[in-house]
C-alpha atoms as a PDB file:
ATOM      1  CA  MET A   1     182.104 149.557 181.939  1.00  0.00           C
ATOM      2  CA  ASN A   2     184.080 149.264 185.075  1.00  0.00           C
ATOM      3  CA  ILE A   3     185.058 146.264 187.443  1.00  0.00           C
ATOM      4  CA  HIS A   4     182.162 147.255 189.674  1.00  0.00           C
ATOM      5  CA  ASP A   5     179.757 146.822 186.800  1.00  0.00           C
ATOM      6  CA  ILE A   6     180.465 142.889 186.051  1.00  0.00           C
ATOM      7  CA  PRO A   7     178.048 140.801 187.553  1.00  0.00           C
ATOM      8  CA  ASP A   8     179.444 138.476 190.784  1.00  0.00           C
ATOM      9  CA  GLU A   9     178.443 135.490 188.423  1.00  0.00           C
ATOM     10  CA  ILE A  10     181.212 136.434 185.838  1.00  0.00           C
ATOM     11  CA  LEU A  11     183.625 137.731 188.566  1.00  0.00           C
ATOM     12  CA  GLY A  12     183.553 134.319 189.835  1.00  0.00           C
ATOM     13  CA  GLN A  13     184.519 132.542 186.902  1.00  0.00           C
ATOM     14  CA  ILE A  14     187.492 134.852 185.759  1.00  0.00           C
ATOM     15  CA  GLY A  15     189.077 135.000 189.236  1.00  0.00           C
ATOM     16  CA  LYS A  16     191.166 138.557 190.556  1.00  0.00           C
ATOM     17  CA  ILE A  17     191.308 141.248 188.005  1.00  0.00           C
ATOM     18  CA  HIS A  18     194.797 143.017 187.556  1.00  0.00           C
ATOM     19  CA  ASN A  19     193.973 144.937 184.549  1.00  0.00           C
ATOM     20  CA  ILE A  20     191.443 145.988 182.227  1.00  0.00           C
ATOM     21  CA  ASN A  21     191.565 147.795 178.771  1.00  0.00           C
ATOM     22  CA  PHE A  22     189.238 148.793 176.306  1.00  0.00           C
ATOM     23  CA  PRO A  23     190.260 147.905 172.576  1.00  0.00           C
ATOM     24  CA  ARG A  24     189.304 149.728 169.524  1.00  0.00           C
ATOM     25  CA  GLN A  25     185.496 148.714 169.066  1.00  0.00           C
ATOM     26  CA  GLY A  26     182.155 149.124 167.037  1.00  0.00           C
ATOM     27  CA  HIS A  27     179.140 150.928 168.181  1.00  0.00           C
ATOM     28  CA  THR A  28     177.062 147.711 169.173  1.00  0.00           C
ATOM     29  CA  SER A  29     178.941 146.887 172.403  1.00  0.00           C
ATOM     30  CA  ILE A  30     181.630 147.857 174.955  1.00  0.00           C
ATOM     31  CA  VAL A  31     184.392 145.173 174.592  1.00  0.00           C
ATOM     32  CA  ALA A  32     186.760 144.878 177.603  1.00  0.00           C
ATOM     33  CA  ILE A  33     190.025 142.757 177.753  1.00  0.00           C
ATOM     34  CA  LEU A  34     190.537 141.426 181.228  1.00  0.00           C
ATOM     35  CA  GLU A  35     193.665 140.340 182.645  1.00  0.00           C
ATOM     36  CA  THR A  36     192.870 137.862 185.649  1.00  0.00           C
ATOM     37  CA  THR A  37     194.357 135.308 188.074  1.00  0.00           C
ATOM     38  CA  ASN A  38     192.877 132.864 185.623  1.00  0.00           C
ATOM     39  CA  GLY A  39     194.066 134.164 182.468  1.00  0.00           C
ATOM     40  CA  LYS A  40     192.831 136.422 179.817  1.00  0.00           C
ATOM     41  CA  PHE A  41     189.154 137.300 178.864  1.00  0.00           C
ATOM     42  CA  VAL A  42     187.113 139.260 176.778  1.00  0.00           C
ATOM     43  CA  ILE A  43     183.479 140.721 178.237  1.00  0.00           C
ATOM     44  CA  LYS A  44     181.040 142.175 176.014  1.00  0.00           C
ATOM     45  CA  LYS A  45     178.392 144.384 177.167  1.00  0.00           C
ATOM     46  CA  THR A  46     175.386 145.638 175.619  1.00  0.00           C
ATOM     47  CA  GLU A  47     172.437 147.884 176.658  1.00  0.00           C
ATOM     48  CA  ASN A  48     170.224 148.068 173.669  1.00  0.00           C
ATOM     49  CA  GLU A  49     167.013 145.372 172.585  1.00  0.00           C
ATOM     50  CA  LEU A  50     168.897 145.160 168.926  1.00  0.00           C
ATOM     51  CA  TYR A  51     172.309 144.679 170.359  1.00  0.00           C
ATOM     52  CA  ASN A  52     171.173 142.475 172.865  1.00  0.00           C
ATOM     53  CA  GLU A  53     169.749 140.231 170.325  1.00  0.00           C
ATOM     54  CA  TRP A  54     172.800 140.227 168.465  1.00  0.00           C
ATOM     55  CA  LEU A  55     174.644 139.236 171.675  1.00  0.00           C
ATOM     56  CA  LEU A  56     172.609 136.453 172.080  1.00  0.00           C
ATOM     57  CA  GLU A  57     173.013 135.187 168.990  1.00  0.00           C
ATOM     58  CA  GLU A  58     176.876 135.349 168.861  1.00  0.00           C
ATOM     59  CA  TYR A  59     176.561 133.204 172.345  1.00  0.00           C
ATOM     60  CA  LYS A  60     174.846 130.658 170.573  1.00  0.00           C
ATOM     61  CA  ALA A  61     176.823 130.647 167.539  1.00  0.00           C
ATOM     62  CA  LEU A  62     179.841 130.260 169.416  1.00  0.00           C
ATOM     63  CA  GLN A  63     178.622 127.468 171.388  1.00  0.00           C
ATOM     64  CA  TYR A  64     177.630 125.585 168.098  1.00  0.00           C
ATOM     65  CA  LEU A  65     180.919 126.557 166.494  1.00  0.00           C
ATOM     66  CA  SER A  66     183.008 125.048 169.387  1.00  0.00           C
ATOM     67  CA  GLN A  67     183.614 121.955 167.527  1.00  0.00           C
ATOM     68  CA  THR A  68     184.210 122.735 163.857  1.00  0.00           C
ATOM     69  CA  GLY A  69     187.708 123.864 164.196  1.00  0.00           C
ATOM     70  CA  LEU A  70     187.329 127.356 162.959  1.00  0.00           C
ATOM     71  CA  LEU A  71     189.212 129.950 165.001  1.00  0.00           C
ATOM     72  CA  VAL A  72     186.422 131.029 167.393  1.00  0.00           C
ATOM     73  CA  PRO A  73     187.125 132.282 170.784  1.00  0.00           C
ATOM     74  CA  LYS A  74     186.029 129.587 173.293  1.00  0.00           C
ATOM     75  CA  VAL A  75     182.858 130.913 175.078  1.00  0.00           C
ATOM     76  CA  TYR A  76     181.953 130.767 178.860  1.00  0.00           C
ATOM     77  CA  SER A  77     178.619 132.420 179.691  1.00  0.00           C
ATOM     78  CA  PHE A  78     175.977 134.619 178.846  1.00  0.00           C
ATOM     79  CA  HIS A  79     174.460 136.746 181.605  1.00  0.00           C
ATOM     80  CA  ILE A  80     171.193 138.690 181.762  1.00  0.00           C
ATOM     81  CA  GLU A  81     170.542 141.637 184.123  1.00  0.00           C
ATOM     82  CA  ASN A  82     167.564 143.920 183.649  1.00  0.00           C
ATOM     83  CA  LYS A  83     168.337 145.551 180.128  1.00  0.00           C
ATOM     84  CA  THR A  84     171.955 144.822 180.175  1.00  0.00           C
ATOM     85  CA  ARG A  85     173.744 141.545 178.624  1.00  0.00           C
ATOM     86  CA  TRP A  86     176.910 140.424 179.191  1.00  0.00           C
ATOM     87  CA  LEU A  87     179.088 137.862 177.267  1.00  0.00           C
ATOM     88  CA  LEU A  88     182.242 136.017 178.431  1.00  0.00           C
ATOM     89  CA  MET A  89     184.799 134.419 176.424  1.00  0.00           C
ATOM     90  CA  ASP A  90     188.709 133.545 175.651  1.00  0.00           C
ATOM     91  CA  HIS A  91     190.992 136.404 174.629  1.00  0.00           C
ATOM     92  CA  ILE A  92     192.664 135.580 171.353  1.00  0.00           C
ATOM     93  CA  GLU A  93     196.349 137.224 171.045  1.00  0.00           C
ATOM     94  CA  GLY A  94     196.173 139.270 168.034  1.00  0.00           C
ATOM     95  CA  ILE A  95     195.156 142.542 166.782  1.00  0.00           C
ATOM     96  CA  SER A  96     192.255 143.308 163.718  1.00  0.00           C
ATOM     97  CA  LEU A  97     193.123 142.966 160.148  1.00  0.00           C
ATOM     98  CA  ARG A  98     191.806 146.315 159.865  1.00  0.00           C
ATOM     99  CA  ALA A  99     194.335 147.840 162.709  1.00  0.00           C
ATOM    100  CA  PHE A 100     197.198 145.497 161.176  1.00  0.00           C
ATOM    101  CA  LEU A 101     196.617 147.261 157.636  1.00  0.00           C
ATOM    102  CA  SER A 102     195.721 150.805 158.693  1.00  0.00           C
ATOM    103  CA  GLY A 103     199.425 150.332 160.290  1.00  0.00           C
ATOM    104  CA  THR A 104     200.887 150.387 156.723  1.00  0.00           C
ATOM    105  CA  PRO A 105     202.881 147.341 156.799  1.00  0.00           C
ATOM    106  CA  ASN A 106     205.460 146.535 154.000  1.00  0.00           C
ATOM    107  CA  LEU A 107     204.002 144.885 150.938  1.00  0.00           C
ATOM    108  CA  LYS A 108     205.320 141.473 151.606  1.00  0.00           C
ATOM    109  CA  ASP A 109     203.373 141.627 154.845  1.00  0.00           C
ATOM    110  CA  LYS A 110     200.063 143.382 153.638  1.00  0.00           C
ATOM    111  CA  GLU A 111     199.799 140.784 150.783  1.00  0.00           C
ATOM    112  CA  LYS A 112     200.279 137.961 152.818  1.00  0.00           C
ATOM    113  CA  ALA A 113     197.678 139.021 155.479  1.00  0.00           C
ATOM    114  CA  ILE A 114     195.169 139.515 152.681  1.00  0.00           C
ATOM    115  CA  THR A 115     195.605 136.162 151.065  1.00  0.00           C
ATOM    116  CA  ASN A 116     195.124 134.718 154.444  1.00  0.00           C
ATOM    117  CA  PHE A 117     191.898 136.606 154.862  1.00  0.00           C
ATOM    118  CA  GLY A 118     190.667 135.118 151.535  1.00  0.00           C
ATOM    119  CA  LEU A 119     191.916 131.366 152.652  1.00  0.00           C
ATOM    120  CA  CYS A 120     190.006 131.828 155.775  1.00  0.00           C
ATOM    121  CA  LEU A 121     186.775 132.851 154.189  1.00  0.00           C
ATOM    122  CA  ARG A 122     187.080 129.953 151.864  1.00  0.00           C
ATOM    123  CA  SER A 123     187.651 127.639 155.350  1.00  0.00           C
ATOM    124  CA  ILE A 124     184.297 129.127 156.650  1.00  0.00           C
ATOM    125  CA  HIS A 125     182.512 128.516 153.476  1.00  0.00           C
ATOM    126  CA  GLU A 126     183.876 125.049 153.266  1.00  0.00           C
ATOM    127  CA  CYS A 127     183.053 124.159 156.924  1.00  0.00           C
ATOM    128  CA  PRO A 128     179.871 122.098 156.957  1.00  0.00           C
ATOM    129  CA  CYS A 129     177.251 123.934 158.449  1.00  0.00           C
ATOM    130  CA  PRO A 130     176.226 123.030 162.088  1.00  0.00           C
ATOM    131  CA  ILE A 131     172.719 121.596 161.877  1.00  0.00           C
ATOM    132  CA  GLU A 132     171.452 124.570 164.412  1.00  0.00           C
ATOM    133  CA  PHE A 133     172.076 126.973 161.517  1.00  0.00           C
ATOM    134  CA  ILE A 134     169.763 125.098 158.707  1.00  0.00           C
ATOM    135  CA  LYS A 135     166.031 126.131 158.782  1.00  0.00           C
ATOM    136  CA  ASP A 136     163.738 125.114 156.434  1.00  0.00           C
ATOM    137  CA  ASP A 137     160.985 127.703 156.882  1.00  0.00           C
ATOM    138  CA  LYS A 138     162.432 130.256 154.403  1.00  0.00           C
ATOM    139  CA  PRO A 139     165.150 131.135 151.967  1.00  0.00           C
ATOM    140  CA  TRP A 140     168.189 133.114 153.864  1.00  0.00           C
ATOM    141  CA  LEU A 141     167.486 136.452 151.724  1.00  0.00           C
ATOM    142  CA  ASP A 142     163.692 136.336 152.776  1.00  0.00           C
ATOM    143  CA  THR A 143     164.714 136.270 156.364  1.00  0.00           C
ATOM    144  CA  MET A 144     167.171 139.159 155.876  1.00  0.00           C
ATOM    145  CA  LEU A 145     165.108 141.220 154.195  1.00  0.00           C
ATOM    146  CA  SER A 146     162.286 140.582 156.754  1.00  0.00           C
ATOM    147  CA  LYS A 147     164.917 141.397 159.473  1.00  0.00           C
ATOM    148  CA  ALA A 148     165.782 144.650 157.387  1.00  0.00           C
ATOM    149  CA  GLU A 149     162.198 145.815 157.248  1.00  0.00           C
ATOM    150  CA  TYR A 150     162.050 144.891 161.083  1.00  0.00           C
ATOM    151  CA  ASN A 151     165.377 147.097 161.928  1.00  0.00           C
ATOM    152  CA  LEU A 152     164.231 149.982 159.414  1.00  0.00           C
ATOM    153  CA  ASN A 153     160.975 150.136 161.282  1.00  0.00           C
ATOM    154  CA  HIS A 154     162.149 149.966 164.985  1.00  0.00           C
ATOM    155  CA  PHE A 155     165.674 150.909 164.784  1.00  0.00           C
ATOM    156  CA  GLU A 156     167.937 153.617 163.364  1.00  0.00           C
ATOM    157  CA  VAL A 157     169.630 152.095 160.575  1.00  0.00           C
ATOM    158  CA  ASP A 158     171.654 153.527 157.529  1.00  0.00           C
ATOM    159  CA  GLY A 159     168.909 151.952 154.656  1.00  0.00           C
ATOM    160  CA  THR A 160     166.136 153.655 153.768  1.00  0.00           C
ATOM    161  CA  GLU A 161     162.394 152.425 152.827  1.00  0.00           C
ATOM    162  CA  GLU A 162     163.192 153.308 149.075  1.00  0.00           C
ATOM    163  CA  LEU A 163     166.358 151.230 149.027  1.00  0.00           C
ATOM    164  CA  LEU A 164     164.506 148.274 150.863  1.00  0.00           C
ATOM    165  CA  SER A 165     161.901 148.464 148.135  1.00  0.00           C
ATOM    166  CA  GLN A 166     164.646 148.057 145.363  1.00  0.00           C
ATOM    167  CA  LEU A 167     166.163 145.205 147.216  1.00  0.00           C
ATOM    168  CA  LYS A 168     162.730 143.397 147.428  1.00  0.00           C
ATOM    169  CA  GLU A 169     162.154 144.082 143.621  1.00  0.00           C
ATOM    170  CA  VAL A 170     165.338 143.395 142.143  1.00  0.00           C
ATOM    171  CA  ARG A 171     167.386 140.312 143.469  1.00  0.00           C
ATOM    172  CA  PRO A 172     170.340 138.529 142.716  1.00  0.00           C
ATOM    173  CA  LYS A 173     170.330 135.436 140.938  1.00  0.00           C
ATOM    174  CA  SER A 174     170.003 132.710 143.563  1.00  0.00           C
ATOM    175  CA  MET A 175     173.078 130.744 144.533  1.00  0.00           C
ATOM    176  CA  GLU A 176     173.718 127.479 146.720  1.00  0.00           C
ATOM    177  CA  ASN A 177     173.980 128.126 150.239  1.00  0.00           C
ATOM    178  CA  THR A 178     176.996 127.496 152.798  1.00  0.00           C
ATOM    179  CA  PHE A 179     177.827 128.536 155.861  1.00  0.00           C
ATOM    180  CA  ILE A 180     178.373 132.087 156.255  1.00  0.00           C
ATOM    181  CA  HIS A 181     179.842 134.183 158.571  1.00  0.00           C
ATOM    182  CA  GLY A 182     177.344 137.187 158.367  1.00  0.00           C
ATOM    183  CA  ASP A 183     179.818 139.966 159.175  1.00  0.00           C
ATOM    184  CA  PHE A 184     182.777 139.259 157.668  1.00  0.00           C
ATOM    185  CA  THR A 185     185.084 142.416 157.592  1.00  0.00           C
ATOM    186  CA  ILE A 186     188.716 143.042 158.371  1.00  0.00           C
ATOM    187  CA  ASP A 187     187.405 144.204 161.925  1.00  0.00           C
ATOM    188  CA  ASN A 188     186.381 140.781 162.636  1.00  0.00           C
ATOM    189  CA  VAL A 189     189.370 138.750 161.741  1.00  0.00           C
ATOM    190  CA  LEU A 190     192.349 138.620 164.018  1.00  0.00           C
ATOM    191  CA  VAL A 191     195.889 138.277 162.865  1.00  0.00           C
ATOM    192  CA  ASN A 192     199.310 137.620 164.564  1.00  0.00           C
ATOM    193  CA  ASP A 193     202.465 138.094 162.365  1.00  0.00           C
ATOM    194  CA  CYS A 194     200.343 138.151 159.172  1.00  0.00           C
ATOM    195  CA  ASN A 195     198.513 134.752 160.266  1.00  0.00           C
ATOM    196  CA  ILE A 196     194.776 134.607 160.970  1.00  0.00           C
ATOM    197  CA  VAL A 197     194.577 133.664 164.782  1.00  0.00           C
ATOM    198  CA  GLY A 198     190.720 134.391 165.486  1.00  0.00           C
ATOM    199  CA  ILE A 199     187.524 135.178 163.781  1.00  0.00           C
ATOM    200  CA  ILE A 200     185.274 136.921 166.392  1.00  0.00           C
ATOM    201  CA  ASP A 201     181.438 138.666 166.175  1.00  0.00           C
ATOM    202  CA  TRP A 202     179.485 135.470 164.902  1.00  0.00           C
ATOM    203  CA  SER A 203     176.038 137.141 165.642  1.00  0.00           C
ATOM    204  CA  GLY A 204     175.305 136.924 161.619  1.00  0.00           C
ATOM    205  CA  ALA A 205     176.100 133.319 161.167  1.00  0.00           C
ATOM    206  CA  ALA A 206     173.666 131.218 159.108  1.00  0.00           C
ATOM    207  CA  TYR A 207     173.526 128.911 156.185  1.00  0.00           C
ATOM    208  CA  GLY A 208     173.276 131.573 153.723  1.00  0.00           C
ATOM    209  CA  ASP A 209     174.364 133.231 150.541  1.00  0.00           C
ATOM    210  CA  PRO A 210     178.193 133.234 150.199  1.00  0.00           C
ATOM    211  CA  ARG A 211     178.172 136.573 148.277  1.00  0.00           C
ATOM    212  CA  TYR A 212     177.410 138.476 151.232  1.00  0.00           C
ATOM    213  CA  ASP A 213     180.537 137.504 153.189  1.00  0.00           C
ATOM    214  CA  ILE A 214     182.437 138.114 150.141  1.00  0.00           C
ATOM    215  CA  ALA A 215     180.778 141.787 149.518  1.00  0.00           C
ATOM    216  CA  LEU A 216     181.566 142.590 153.213  1.00  0.00           C
ATOM    217  CA  ALA A 217     185.136 141.214 152.968  1.00  0.00           C
ATOM    218  CA  ILE A 218     186.136 143.626 150.128  1.00  0.00           C
ATOM    219  CA  ARG A 219     184.943 146.926 151.192  1.00  0.00           C
ATOM    220  CA  PRO A 220     187.423 149.545 150.559  1.00  0.00           C
ATOM    221  CA  LYS A 221     189.130 150.914 153.967  1.00  0.00           C
ATOM    222  CA  PHE A 222     192.314 152.731 154.250  1.00  0.00           C
ATOM    223  CA  ASN A 223     195.136 150.856 152.921  1.00  0.00           C
ATOM    224  CA  ALA A 224     192.592 147.803 152.295  1.00  0.00           C
ATOM    225  CA  PHE A 225     190.883 146.885 149.269  1.00  0.00           C
ATOM    226  CA  ASP A 226     191.570 150.328 147.992  1.00  0.00           C
ATOM    227  CA  HIS A 227     193.355 148.989 144.978  1.00  0.00           C
ATOM    228  CA  ASP A 228     192.199 146.322 142.434  1.00  0.00           C
ATOM    229  CA  ARG A 229     195.361 144.506 143.597  1.00  0.00           C
ATOM    230  CA  ASP A 230     194.038 143.572 146.910  1.00  0.00           C
ATOM    231  CA  ARG A 231     190.930 142.198 145.718  1.00  0.00           C
ATOM    232  CA  GLU A 232     192.672 139.954 143.020  1.00  0.00           C
ATOM    233  CA  LEU A 233     194.746 138.274 146.124  1.00  0.00           C
ATOM    234  CA  PHE A 234     191.818 137.911 148.245  1.00  0.00           C
ATOM    235  CA  LEU A 235     189.718 136.508 145.613  1.00  0.00           C
ATOM    236  CA  ASN A 236     192.606 134.358 144.095  1.00  0.00           C
ATOM    237  CA  ALA A 237     192.825 132.876 147.718  1.00  0.00           C
ATOM    238  CA  TYR A 238     189.429 132.238 148.228  1.00  0.00           C
ATOM    239  CA  GLY A 239     189.115 130.436 145.010  1.00  0.00           C
ATOM    240  CA  LYS A 240     185.456 129.413 144.525  1.00  0.00           C
ATOM    241  CA  ILE A 241     183.308 132.517 143.278  1.00  0.00           C
ATOM    242  CA  ARG A 242     183.709 136.114 141.987  1.00  0.00           C
ATOM    243  CA  LEU A 243     181.277 138.874 142.427  1.00  0.00           C
ATOM    244  CA  THR A 244     179.502 141.002 139.752  1.00  0.00           C
ATOM    245  CA  GLU A 245     179.481 144.829 140.532  1.00  0.00           C
ATOM    246  CA  GLU A 246     175.724 144.298 140.564  1.00  0.00           C
ATOM    247  CA  GLU A 247     176.088 141.794 143.070  1.00  0.00           C
ATOM    248  CA  TYR A 248     178.559 143.687 145.462  1.00  0.00           C
ATOM    249  CA  ASN A 249     175.928 146.665 145.122  1.00  0.00           C
ATOM    250  CA  TYR A 250     172.945 144.589 146.397  1.00  0.00           C
ATOM    251  CA  PHE A 251     174.841 143.104 149.293  1.00  0.00           C
ATOM    252  CA  GLU A 252     177.416 145.900 150.626  1.00  0.00           C
ATOM    253  CA  GLY A 253     175.683 149.299 149.624  1.00  0.00           C
ATOM    254  CA  GLY A 254     172.075 147.557 150.247  1.00  0.00           C
ATOM    255  CA  LEU A 255     171.500 144.883 152.281  1.00  0.00           C
ATOM    256  CA  TYR A 256     173.979 145.600 155.029  1.00  0.00           C
ATOM    257  CA  GLN A 257     173.120 149.193 155.110  1.00  0.00           C
ATOM    258  CA  PHE A 258     170.121 147.563 157.536  1.00  0.00           C
ATOM    259  CA  PHE A 259     172.367 145.880 159.875  1.00  0.00           C
END
């Protein structure tokens, strides 16, 4: 992405661009931080059928969440241009929790950040679910398994047909739904001075199983959840439910492999 790629409609909203940089990001989109005469903005660009759909879902979710009090970026516009999609939103000053922990902070700061991560998830699960996310047609897990099958048949995913069959046959015991983020990883929470300042990437938001968020939150990464102490800090701060090993494997090692 460069300045000349950005649609005129977006350029008209943000003013003259003084600087553009590209933070570390996943493989689903191109992300740029723009410094302009009107402030700092984030632009996300996708060019793939699946990722285009996810970006649209993120745009909708951010609109629905704007009045909840959760630490979400303000969203401005969603633009369609041939097979490309663009999302414009506010920039939140901070770095991902993953980047923070990868920098090997001192133990006190690390534990404070992980504790705040657990408190952050608690605030999400205790947030009254916006009505737009509550669908009566079928249970959340059934919806996710249907999406997993579609993704397996149409896109490149890490999951396999054998794994999907296992997920359909042996399901975890049902649990009361809450509002969930749907991709609550250390990449999608922003921190500043150990405090959570932003929660991003909301395309998976739903009225669903809170264990899915917990499982993704505690996935081991470098200097993050690679020791039992990190899990205990997080779960004590979250303070609601704990996963069995079987539940963790079902959601993180199973269902997530199709998304």
